[in-house]
Amino acid sequence: MSDSVLVIHGAPAYRYGLVLGLKELGFDACEGETAEAAEQAEWDVCLLHTPTPDTSLLTRVRQSGQGLVIALVDSLTVDNCRDVIGAGAHGVALQDADFDDIAEALRLARWGETRVPVSLLRTLVDASPAAPSGLTLSQSETDVLRQLASGRPIADTAATLGYSERQMYRLARGIYFKLGAGNRSEAIATAARWRLLDDSS
């Protein structure tokens, strides 16, 4: 059964086009213009245009408590991502991304993950403190973490690095534990904050 996706955006043509594209990709999609649509419709994931820094609409949609909210932003800046994730978004995507990228953001959010551009990760890393002195990752763990940060599925990452899928899951869980993270997204955010994804790390 496909996810029920609600698209909330102020531009009718954008909403209509995105809904059509999502339906072609197999999603059960509907549209709305305001937060009332989130309160009236049943949905698993809401794609919500969030013109930062005003995240009040996002907060209101999150309060409906129905499902996951992915913020559609005008640009993927550190401030925009911080604003929408801080307001409760489960993921973030460019509003002018193609259908496949938005569908990928939907799938990742359902798995508790998100894709972050490398340029954004670098900006986060540059503005963040170093890891605790006792924390070290092996070269293979660092390679795995970089692959995971690219947003690729575990199976693809395993094949690229020469592991079985089971070994990759075990290695990923070990990395999450070392970083004090519960999932891939937390591990990537922590690694970025502690500069573990730097080329020199």
C-alpha atoms as a PDB file:
ATOM      1  CA  MET A   1       0.000   0.000   0.000  1.00  0.00           C
ATOM      2  CA  SER A   2       1.427   3.400  -0.999  1.00  0.00           C
ATOM      3  CA  ASP A   3       1.780   6.326   1.353  1.00  0.00           C
ATOM      4  CA  SER A   4      -0.952   8.929   1.366  1.00  0.00           C
ATOM      5  CA  VAL A   5       0.789  12.222   0.582  1.00  0.00           C
ATOM      6  CA  LEU A   6      -0.699  15.668   1.149  1.00  0.00           C
ATOM      7  CA  VAL A   7       0.873  18.576  -0.752  1.00  0.00           C
ATOM      8  CA  ILE A   8       0.351  22.004   0.832  1.00  0.00           C
ATOM      9  CA  HIS A   9       1.567  24.956  -1.217  1.00  0.00           C
ATOM     10  CA  GLY A  10       0.220  28.437  -1.928  1.00  0.00           C
ATOM     11  CA  ALA A  11       0.619  28.085  -5.709  1.00  0.00           C
ATOM     12  CA  PRO A  12      -2.204  25.993  -7.250  1.00  0.00           C
ATOM     13  CA  ALA A  13      -0.214  25.094 -10.390  1.00  0.00           C
ATOM     14  CA  TYR A  14       2.705  23.834  -8.288  1.00  0.00           C
ATOM     15  CA  ARG A  15       0.402  21.734  -6.078  1.00  0.00           C
ATOM     16  CA  TYR A  16      -1.389  20.248  -9.054  1.00  0.00           C
ATOM     17  CA  GLY A  17       1.832  19.434 -10.911  1.00  0.00           C
ATOM     18  CA  LEU A  18       3.477  17.830  -7.883  1.00  0.00           C
ATOM     19  CA  VAL A  19       0.382  15.750  -7.121  1.00  0.00           C
ATOM     20  CA  LEU A  20       0.278  14.499 -10.729  1.00  0.00           C
ATOM     21  CA  GLY A  21       3.980  13.629 -10.632  1.00  0.00           C
ATOM     22  CA  LEU A  22       3.642  11.784  -7.330  1.00  0.00           C
ATOM     23  CA  LYS A  23       0.649   9.822  -8.614  1.00  0.00           C
ATOM     24  CA  GLU A  24       2.682   8.740 -11.641  1.00  0.00           C
ATOM     25  CA  LEU A  25       5.327   7.458  -9.205  1.00  0.00           C
ATOM     26  CA  GLY A  26       2.697   5.386  -7.382  1.00  0.00           C
ATOM     27  CA  PHE A  27       1.847   7.629  -4.434  1.00  0.00           C
ATOM     28  CA  ASP A  28      -1.701   8.336  -3.295  1.00  0.00           C
ATOM     29  CA  ALA A  29      -1.498  12.148  -3.395  1.00  0.00           C
ATOM     30  CA  CYS A  30      -3.876  15.021  -2.719  1.00  0.00           C
ATOM     31  CA  GLU A  31      -3.464  18.770  -2.332  1.00  0.00           C
ATOM     32  CA  GLY A  32      -4.375  21.696  -0.109  1.00  0.00           C
ATOM     33  CA  GLU A  33      -3.545  25.376   0.236  1.00  0.00           C
ATOM     34  CA  THR A  34      -3.542  25.948   3.997  1.00  0.00           C
ATOM     35  CA  ALA A  35      -3.015  24.165   7.311  1.00  0.00           C
ATOM     36  CA  GLU A  36      -6.739  23.372   7.395  1.00  0.00           C
ATOM     37  CA  ALA A  37      -6.093  20.785   4.677  1.00  0.00           C
ATOM     38  CA  ALA A  38      -3.798  18.927   7.086  1.00  0.00           C
ATOM     39  CA  GLU A  39      -6.524  18.939   9.720  1.00  0.00           C
ATOM     40  CA  GLN A  40      -9.267  17.771   7.362  1.00  0.00           C
ATOM     41  CA  ALA A  41      -7.522  15.172   5.173  1.00  0.00           C
ATOM     42  CA  GLU A  42      -5.976  11.843   6.139  1.00  0.00           C
ATOM     43  CA  TRP A  43      -2.302  11.589   5.226  1.00  0.00           C
ATOM     44  CA  ASP A  44       0.906   9.729   6.064  1.00  0.00           C
ATOM     45  CA  VAL A  45       3.332  12.332   4.760  1.00  0.00           C
ATOM     46  CA  CYS A  46       2.825  16.036   4.123  1.00  0.00           C
ATOM     47  CA  LEU A  47       4.975  17.955   1.644  1.00  0.00           C
ATOM     48  CA  LEU A  48       4.705  21.493   2.957  1.00  0.00           C
ATOM     49  CA  HIS A  49       6.072  24.640   1.353  1.00  0.00           C
ATOM     50  CA  THR A  50       7.847  26.425   4.196  1.00  0.00           C
ATOM     51  CA  PRO A  51       9.045  29.927   3.321  1.00  0.00           C
ATOM     52  CA  THR A  52      11.634  30.334   6.084  1.00  0.00           C
ATOM     53  CA  PRO A  53      12.230  31.878   8.540  1.00  0.00           C
ATOM     54  CA  ASP A  54       8.458  31.761   9.214  1.00  0.00           C
ATOM     55  CA  THR A  55       7.774  28.183  10.303  1.00  0.00           C
ATOM     56  CA  SER A  56       4.368  28.811  11.880  1.00  0.00           C
ATOM     57  CA  LEU A  57       2.521  26.835   9.184  1.00  0.00           C
ATOM     58  CA  LEU A  58       4.895  23.910   9.681  1.00  0.00           C
ATOM     59  CA  THR A  59       4.314  24.010  13.430  1.00  0.00           C
ATOM     60  CA  ARG A  60       0.552  23.998  12.905  1.00  0.00           C
ATOM     61  CA  VAL A  61       0.659  21.074  10.476  1.00  0.00           C
ATOM     62  CA  ARG A  62       2.908  19.132  12.886  1.00  0.00           C
ATOM     63  CA  GLN A  63       0.369  19.722  15.652  1.00  0.00           C
ATOM     64  CA  SER A  64      -2.245  17.827  13.656  1.00  0.00           C
ATOM     65  CA  GLY A  65      -0.105  14.812  14.587  1.00  0.00           C
ATOM     66  CA  GLN A  66      -1.092  12.681  11.614  1.00  0.00           C
ATOM     67  CA  GLY A  67       2.208  11.829  10.015  1.00  0.00           C
ATOM     68  CA  LEU A  68       5.583  12.975   8.779  1.00  0.00           C
ATOM     69  CA  VAL A  69       6.170  16.481   7.459  1.00  0.00           C
ATOM     70  CA  ILE A  70       8.759  17.259   4.804  1.00  0.00           C
ATOM     71  CA  ALA A  71       9.508  20.947   4.389  1.00  0.00           C
ATOM     72  CA  LEU A  72       9.818  22.189   0.814  1.00  0.00           C
ATOM     73  CA  VAL A  73      12.220  25.127   0.983  1.00  0.00           C
ATOM     74  CA  ASP A  74      13.290  27.725  -1.560  1.00  0.00           C
ATOM     75  CA  SER A  75      17.001  27.059  -0.921  1.00  0.00           C
ATOM     76  CA  LEU A  76      18.977  24.470   1.056  1.00  0.00           C
ATOM     77  CA  THR A  77      20.910  26.779   3.355  1.00  0.00           C
ATOM     78  CA  VAL A  78      22.094  25.936   6.856  1.00  0.00           C
ATOM     79  CA  ASP A  79      19.663  28.481   8.309  1.00  0.00           C
ATOM     80  CA  ASN A  80      16.690  27.136   6.338  1.00  0.00           C
ATOM     81  CA  CYS A  81      17.445  23.543   7.304  1.00  0.00           C
ATOM     82  CA  ARG A  82      18.009  24.479  10.943  1.00  0.00           C
ATOM     83  CA  ASP A  83      14.724  26.428  11.010  1.00  0.00           C
ATOM     84  CA  VAL A  84      12.550  23.684   9.542  1.00  0.00           C
ATOM     85  CA  ILE A  85      14.151  20.748  11.368  1.00  0.00           C
ATOM     86  CA  GLY A  86      13.995  22.755  14.591  1.00  0.00           C
ATOM     87  CA  ALA A  87      10.284  23.354  13.975  1.00  0.00           C
ATOM     88  CA  GLY A  88       9.674  19.609  13.680  1.00  0.00           C
ATOM     89  CA  ALA A  89      10.106  18.712  10.005  1.00  0.00           C
ATOM     90  CA  HIS A  90      11.118  15.100   9.409  1.00  0.00           C
ATOM     91  CA  GLY A  91      12.917  15.974   6.204  1.00  0.00           C
ATOM     92  CA  VAL A  92      13.708  18.813   3.854  1.00  0.00           C
ATOM     93  CA  ALA A  93      13.791  19.124   0.066  1.00  0.00           C
ATOM     94  CA  LEU A  94      14.072  21.898  -2.469  1.00  0.00           C
ATOM     95  CA  GLN A  95      10.645  22.859  -3.730  1.00  0.00           C
ATOM     96  CA  ASP A  96      12.005  22.979  -7.292  1.00  0.00           C
ATOM     97  CA  ALA A  97      13.609  19.516  -7.074  1.00  0.00           C
ATOM     98  CA  ASP A  98      12.478  16.965  -9.650  1.00  0.00           C
ATOM     99  CA  PHE A  99       9.822  14.369  -8.834  1.00  0.00           C
ATOM    100  CA  ASP A 100      12.320  11.573  -8.254  1.00  0.00           C
ATOM    101  CA  ASP A 101      14.249  13.630  -5.688  1.00  0.00           C
ATOM    102  CA  ILE A 102      11.062  14.559  -3.840  1.00  0.00           C
ATOM    103  CA  ALA A 103       9.917  10.920  -3.913  1.00  0.00           C
ATOM    104  CA  GLU A 104      13.319   9.925  -2.494  1.00  0.00           C
ATOM    105  CA  ALA A 105      12.876  12.490   0.304  1.00  0.00           C
ATOM    106  CA  LEU A 106       9.504  10.863   1.073  1.00  0.00           C
ATOM    107  CA  ARG A 107      10.986   7.368   1.197  1.00  0.00           C
ATOM    108  CA  LEU A 108      13.930   8.430   3.352  1.00  0.00           C
ATOM    109  CA  ALA A 109      11.656  10.245   5.809  1.00  0.00           C
ATOM    110  CA  ARG A 110       9.576   7.077   6.215  1.00  0.00           C
ATOM    111  CA  TRP A 111      12.819   5.303   7.230  1.00  0.00           C
ATOM    112  CA  GLY A 112      13.738   8.068   9.675  1.00  0.00           C
ATOM    113  CA  GLU A 113      16.442   9.391   7.379  1.00  0.00           C
ATOM    114  CA  THR A 114      17.133  12.372   5.166  1.00  0.00           C
ATOM    115  CA  ARG A 115      19.510  13.305   2.370  1.00  0.00           C
ATOM    116  CA  VAL A 116      21.831  16.220   3.012  1.00  0.00           C
ATOM    117  CA  PRO A 117      23.897  17.846   0.235  1.00  0.00           C
ATOM    118  CA  VAL A 118      27.660  17.596   0.786  1.00  0.00           C
ATOM    119  CA  SER A 119      27.998  21.383   0.502  1.00  0.00           C
ATOM    120  CA  LEU A 120      25.543  21.785   3.363  1.00  0.00           C
ATOM    121  CA  LEU A 121      27.343  19.149   5.426  1.00  0.00           C
ATOM    122  CA  ARG A 122      30.617  21.004   4.882  1.00  0.00           C
ATOM    123  CA  THR A 123      29.049  24.244   6.071  1.00  0.00           C
ATOM    124  CA  LEU A 124      27.725  22.493   9.162  1.00  0.00           C
ATOM    125  CA  VAL A 125      31.107  20.894   9.782  1.00  0.00           C
ATOM    126  CA  ASP A 126      32.977  24.183   9.437  1.00  0.00           C
ATOM    127  CA  ALA A 127      30.728  25.800  12.047  1.00  0.00           C
ATOM    128  CA  SER A 128      30.831  22.935  14.531  1.00  0.00           C
ATOM    129  CA  PRO A 129      33.053  21.732  17.381  1.00  0.00           C
ATOM    130  CA  ALA A 130      35.390  18.750  17.100  1.00  0.00           C
ATOM    131  CA  ALA A 131      34.549  15.268  18.385  1.00  0.00           C
ATOM    132  CA  PRO A 132      35.316  14.300  21.980  1.00  0.00           C
ATOM    133  CA  SER A 133      39.011  13.440  22.301  1.00  0.00           C
ATOM    134  CA  GLY A 134      38.367   9.748  23.072  1.00  0.00           C
ATOM    135  CA  LEU A 135      36.230   9.141  19.980  1.00  0.00           C
ATOM    136  CA  THR A 136      37.915   7.667  16.934  1.00  0.00           C
ATOM    137  CA  LEU A 137      36.529   5.981  13.858  1.00  0.00           C
ATOM    138  CA  SER A 138      38.506   3.555  11.732  1.00  0.00           C
ATOM    139  CA  GLN A 139      39.023   4.351   8.047  1.00  0.00           C
ATOM    140  CA  SER A 140      36.416   1.720   7.120  1.00  0.00           C
ATOM    141  CA  GLU A 141      33.909   3.236   9.574  1.00  0.00           C
ATOM    142  CA  THR A 142      34.586   6.685   8.114  1.00  0.00           C
ATOM    143  CA  ASP A 143      34.091   5.317   4.581  1.00  0.00           C
ATOM    144  CA  VAL A 144      30.788   3.752   5.633  1.00  0.00           C
ATOM    145  CA  LEU A 145      29.656   6.989   7.277  1.00  0.00           C
ATOM    146  CA  ARG A 146      30.444   8.993   4.138  1.00  0.00           C
ATOM    147  CA  GLN A 147      28.482   6.518   2.023  1.00  0.00           C
ATOM    148  CA  LEU A 148      25.547   6.683   4.441  1.00  0.00           C
ATOM    149  CA  ALA A 149      25.647  10.490   4.313  1.00  0.00           C
ATOM    150  CA  SER A 150      25.141  10.321   0.544  1.00  0.00           C
ATOM    151  CA  GLY A 151      21.638   8.940   1.159  1.00  0.00           C
ATOM    152  CA  ARG A 152      22.254   5.690  -0.715  1.00  0.00           C
ATOM    153  CA  PRO A 153      20.423   2.567   0.457  1.00  0.00           C
ATOM    154  CA  ILE A 154      22.326   0.222   2.780  1.00  0.00           C
ATOM    155  CA  ALA A 155      22.366  -2.514   0.107  1.00  0.00           C
ATOM    156  CA  ASP A 156      24.063  -0.208  -2.420  1.00  0.00           C
ATOM    157  CA  THR A 157      26.560   0.990   0.182  1.00  0.00           C
ATOM    158  CA  ALA A 158      27.362  -2.617   1.116  1.00  0.00           C
ATOM    159  CA  ALA A 159      27.976  -3.547  -2.519  1.00  0.00           C
ATOM    160  CA  THR A 160      30.189  -0.496  -3.087  1.00  0.00           C
ATOM    161  CA  LEU A 161      32.337  -1.184  -0.027  1.00  0.00           C
ATOM    162  CA  GLY A 162      32.486  -4.974  -0.436  1.00  0.00           C
ATOM    163  CA  TYR A 163      30.362  -6.033   2.543  1.00  0.00           C
ATOM    164  CA  SER A 164      27.303  -8.232   2.769  1.00  0.00           C
ATOM    165  CA  GLU A 165      24.111  -6.372   3.623  1.00  0.00           C
ATOM    166  CA  ARG A 166      24.072  -8.035   7.060  1.00  0.00           C
ATOM    167  CA  GLN A 167      27.682  -6.959   7.733  1.00  0.00           C
ATOM    168  CA  MET A 168      26.808  -3.431   6.647  1.00  0.00           C
ATOM    169  CA  TYR A 169      23.842  -3.228   9.030  1.00  0.00           C
ATOM    170  CA  ARG A 170      26.046  -4.513  11.852  1.00  0.00           C
ATOM    171  CA  LEU A 171      28.807  -2.017  11.028  1.00  0.00           C
ATOM    172  CA  ALA A 172      26.310   0.847  10.744  1.00  0.00           C
ATOM    173  CA  ARG A 173      24.786  -0.016  14.141  1.00  0.00           C
ATOM    174  CA  GLY A 174      28.287  -0.038  15.657  1.00  0.00           C
ATOM    175  CA  ILE A 175      28.945   3.422  14.234  1.00  0.00           C
ATOM    176  CA  TYR A 176      25.599   4.706  15.529  1.00  0.00           C
ATOM    177  CA  PHE A 177      26.489   3.358  18.986  1.00  0.00           C
ATOM    178  CA  LYS A 178      29.930   5.015  18.943  1.00  0.00           C
ATOM    179  CA  LEU A 179      28.338   8.334  18.040  1.00  0.00           C
ATOM    180  CA  GLY A 180      25.492   7.980  20.548  1.00  0.00           C
ATOM    181  CA  ALA A 181      22.996   8.093  17.690  1.00  0.00           C
ATOM    182  CA  GLY A 182      19.757   6.171  17.282  1.00  0.00           C
ATOM    183  CA  ASN A 183      19.632   6.151  13.481  1.00  0.00           C
ATOM    184  CA  ARG A 184      21.381   7.197  10.290  1.00  0.00           C
ATOM    185  CA  SER A 185      20.189  10.814  10.348  1.00  0.00           C
ATOM    186  CA  GLU A 186      21.381  11.344  13.923  1.00  0.00           C
ATOM    187  CA  ALA A 187      24.722   9.682  13.142  1.00  0.00           C
ATOM    188  CA  ILE A 188      25.278  11.890  10.089  1.00  0.00           C
ATOM    189  CA  ALA A 189      24.334  15.040  12.002  1.00  0.00           C
ATOM    190  CA  THR A 190      26.666  14.094  14.871  1.00  0.00           C
ATOM    191  CA  ALA A 191      29.494  13.194  12.492  1.00  0.00           C
ATOM    192  CA  ALA A 192      29.058  16.507  10.694  1.00  0.00           C
ATOM    193  CA  ARG A 193      28.979  18.434  13.976  1.00  0.00           C
ATOM    194  CA  TRP A 194      32.154  16.709  15.185  1.00  0.00           C
ATOM    195  CA  ARG A 195      33.944  17.057  11.813  1.00  0.00           C
ATOM    196  CA  LEU A 196      34.251  13.324  11.303  1.00  0.00           C
ATOM    197  CA  LEU A 197      33.404  13.631   7.600  1.00  0.00           C
ATOM    198  CA  ASP A 198      36.313  15.973   6.833  1.00  0.00           C
ATOM    199  CA  ASP A 199      38.819  14.650   4.294  1.00  0.00           C
ATOM    200  CA  SER A 200      41.502  15.015   6.962  1.00  0.00           C
ATOM    201  CA  SER A 201      39.608  13.013   9.620  1.00  0.00           C
END
